[in-house]
Amino acid sequence: MPTIFFYGPDLEKEKRRELIRRFTQAASELTGIDQSAFVVYLRPSDRDRVGVGGQLLEDVMKKNNA
């Protein structure tokens, strides 16, 4: 069973539906696997729980906005 994981911001329910629909559609078209086989997991990722370049994303964002 093909699986897609997406780590990103927490989205409203309608946006989650659309994201899942589009991920599944694109993956199916590109791989030739039927859409019914795909599982999509949407995981929220807060800036204080993600690392980029060895630093917390929260810290990187603060530096870039300063």
C-alpha atoms as a PDB file:
ATOM      1  CA  MET A   1       0.000   0.000   0.000  1.00  0.00           C
ATOM      2  CA  PRO A   2       1.696   3.254  -1.112  1.00  0.00           C
ATOM      3  CA  THR A   3       1.939   5.804   1.687  1.00  0.00           C
ATOM      4  CA  ILE A   4       2.414   9.576   1.552  1.00  0.00           C
ATOM      5  CA  PHE A   5       3.519  11.489   4.659  1.00  0.00           C
ATOM      6  CA  PHE A   6       3.195  15.267   4.755  1.00  0.00           C
ATOM      7  CA  TYR A   7       4.627  17.232   7.654  1.00  0.00           C
ATOM      8  CA  GLY A   8       3.371  20.793   7.652  1.00  0.00           C
ATOM      9  CA  PRO A   9       1.095  23.291   9.306  1.00  0.00           C
ATOM     10  CA  ASP A  10      -2.208  22.284  10.849  1.00  0.00           C
ATOM     11  CA  LEU A  11      -4.834  23.036   8.195  1.00  0.00           C
ATOM     12  CA  GLU A  12      -8.578  23.548   8.200  1.00  0.00           C
ATOM     13  CA  LYS A  13     -10.591  20.419   7.380  1.00  0.00           C
ATOM     14  CA  GLU A  14     -11.508  21.553   3.836  1.00  0.00           C
ATOM     15  CA  LYS A  15      -7.860  22.259   3.032  1.00  0.00           C
ATOM     16  CA  ARG A  16      -6.876  18.842   4.402  1.00  0.00           C
ATOM     17  CA  ARG A  17      -9.461  17.204   2.157  1.00  0.00           C
ATOM     18  CA  GLU A  18      -8.164  19.048  -0.891  1.00  0.00           C
ATOM     19  CA  LEU A  19      -4.510  18.308  -0.079  1.00  0.00           C
ATOM     20  CA  ILE A  20      -5.238  14.594   0.322  1.00  0.00           C
ATOM     21  CA  ARG A  21      -7.238  14.559  -2.913  1.00  0.00           C
ATOM     22  CA  ARG A  22      -4.488  16.293  -4.893  1.00  0.00           C
ATOM     23  CA  PHE A  23      -1.614  14.234  -3.432  1.00  0.00           C
ATOM     24  CA  THR A  24      -3.505  11.035  -4.200  1.00  0.00           C
ATOM     25  CA  GLN A  25      -4.473  12.114  -7.705  1.00  0.00           C
ATOM     26  CA  ALA A  26      -0.932  13.196  -8.647  1.00  0.00           C
ATOM     27  CA  ALA A  27       0.693  10.091  -7.179  1.00  0.00           C
ATOM     28  CA  SER A  28      -1.785   7.844  -8.976  1.00  0.00           C
ATOM     29  CA  GLU A  29      -1.254   9.582 -12.320  1.00  0.00           C
ATOM     30  CA  LEU A  30       2.528   9.411 -12.041  1.00  0.00           C
ATOM     31  CA  THR A  31       2.782   5.816 -10.814  1.00  0.00           C
ATOM     32  CA  GLY A  32      -0.170   4.198 -12.542  1.00  0.00           C
ATOM     33  CA  ILE A  33      -1.358   2.815  -9.190  1.00  0.00           C
ATOM     34  CA  ASP A  34      -5.083   3.103  -8.507  1.00  0.00           C
ATOM     35  CA  GLN A  35      -6.026   5.951  -6.162  1.00  0.00           C
ATOM     36  CA  SER A  36      -7.780   3.541  -3.806  1.00  0.00           C
ATOM     37  CA  ALA A  37      -4.411   2.019  -2.860  1.00  0.00           C
ATOM     38  CA  PHE A  38      -2.922   5.218  -1.425  1.00  0.00           C
ATOM     39  CA  VAL A  39      -2.828   6.239   2.231  1.00  0.00           C
ATOM     40  CA  VAL A  40      -2.012   9.870   3.087  1.00  0.00           C
ATOM     41  CA  TYR A  41      -0.935  10.981   6.560  1.00  0.00           C
ATOM     42  CA  LEU A  42      -0.998  14.692   7.383  1.00  0.00           C
ATOM     43  CA  ARG A  43       1.098  15.537  10.419  1.00  0.00           C
ATOM     44  CA  PRO A  44       1.284  19.001  11.950  1.00  0.00           C
ATOM     45  CA  SER A  45       4.812  20.270  12.455  1.00  0.00           C
ATOM     46  CA  ASP A  46       5.234  23.207  14.770  1.00  0.00           C
ATOM     47  CA  ARG A  47       8.244  25.457  14.317  1.00  0.00           C
ATOM     48  CA  ASP A  48       9.540  24.453  17.735  1.00  0.00           C
ATOM     49  CA  ARG A  49       9.560  20.758  16.727  1.00  0.00           C
ATOM     50  CA  VAL A  50      11.341  20.982  13.352  1.00  0.00           C
ATOM     51  CA  GLY A  51      15.083  21.284  12.763  1.00  0.00           C
ATOM     52  CA  VAL A  52      16.637  22.932   9.702  1.00  0.00           C
ATOM     53  CA  GLY A  53      20.384  23.073   9.235  1.00  0.00           C
ATOM     54  CA  GLY A  54      20.991  21.960  12.814  1.00  0.00           C
ATOM     55  CA  GLN A  55      18.772  24.661  14.311  1.00  0.00           C
ATOM     56  CA  LEU A  56      15.164  24.873  15.429  1.00  0.00           C
ATOM     57  CA  LEU A  57      13.027  26.236  12.604  1.00  0.00           C
ATOM     58  CA  GLU A  58      11.589  28.685  15.117  1.00  0.00           C
ATOM     59  CA  ASP A  59      15.077  30.160  15.668  1.00  0.00           C
ATOM     60  CA  VAL A  60      15.827  30.289  11.938  1.00  0.00           C
ATOM     61  CA  MET A  61      12.556  32.134  11.285  1.00  0.00           C
ATOM     62  CA  LYS A  62      13.322  34.654  14.018  1.00  0.00           C
ATOM     63  CA  LYS A  63      16.777  35.359  12.535  1.00  0.00           C
ATOM     64  CA  ASN A  64      15.349  35.802   9.037  1.00  0.00           C
ATOM     65  CA  ASN A  65      12.670  38.205  10.243  1.00  0.00           C
ATOM     66  CA  ALA A  66      15.070  40.305  12.323  1.00  0.00           C
END
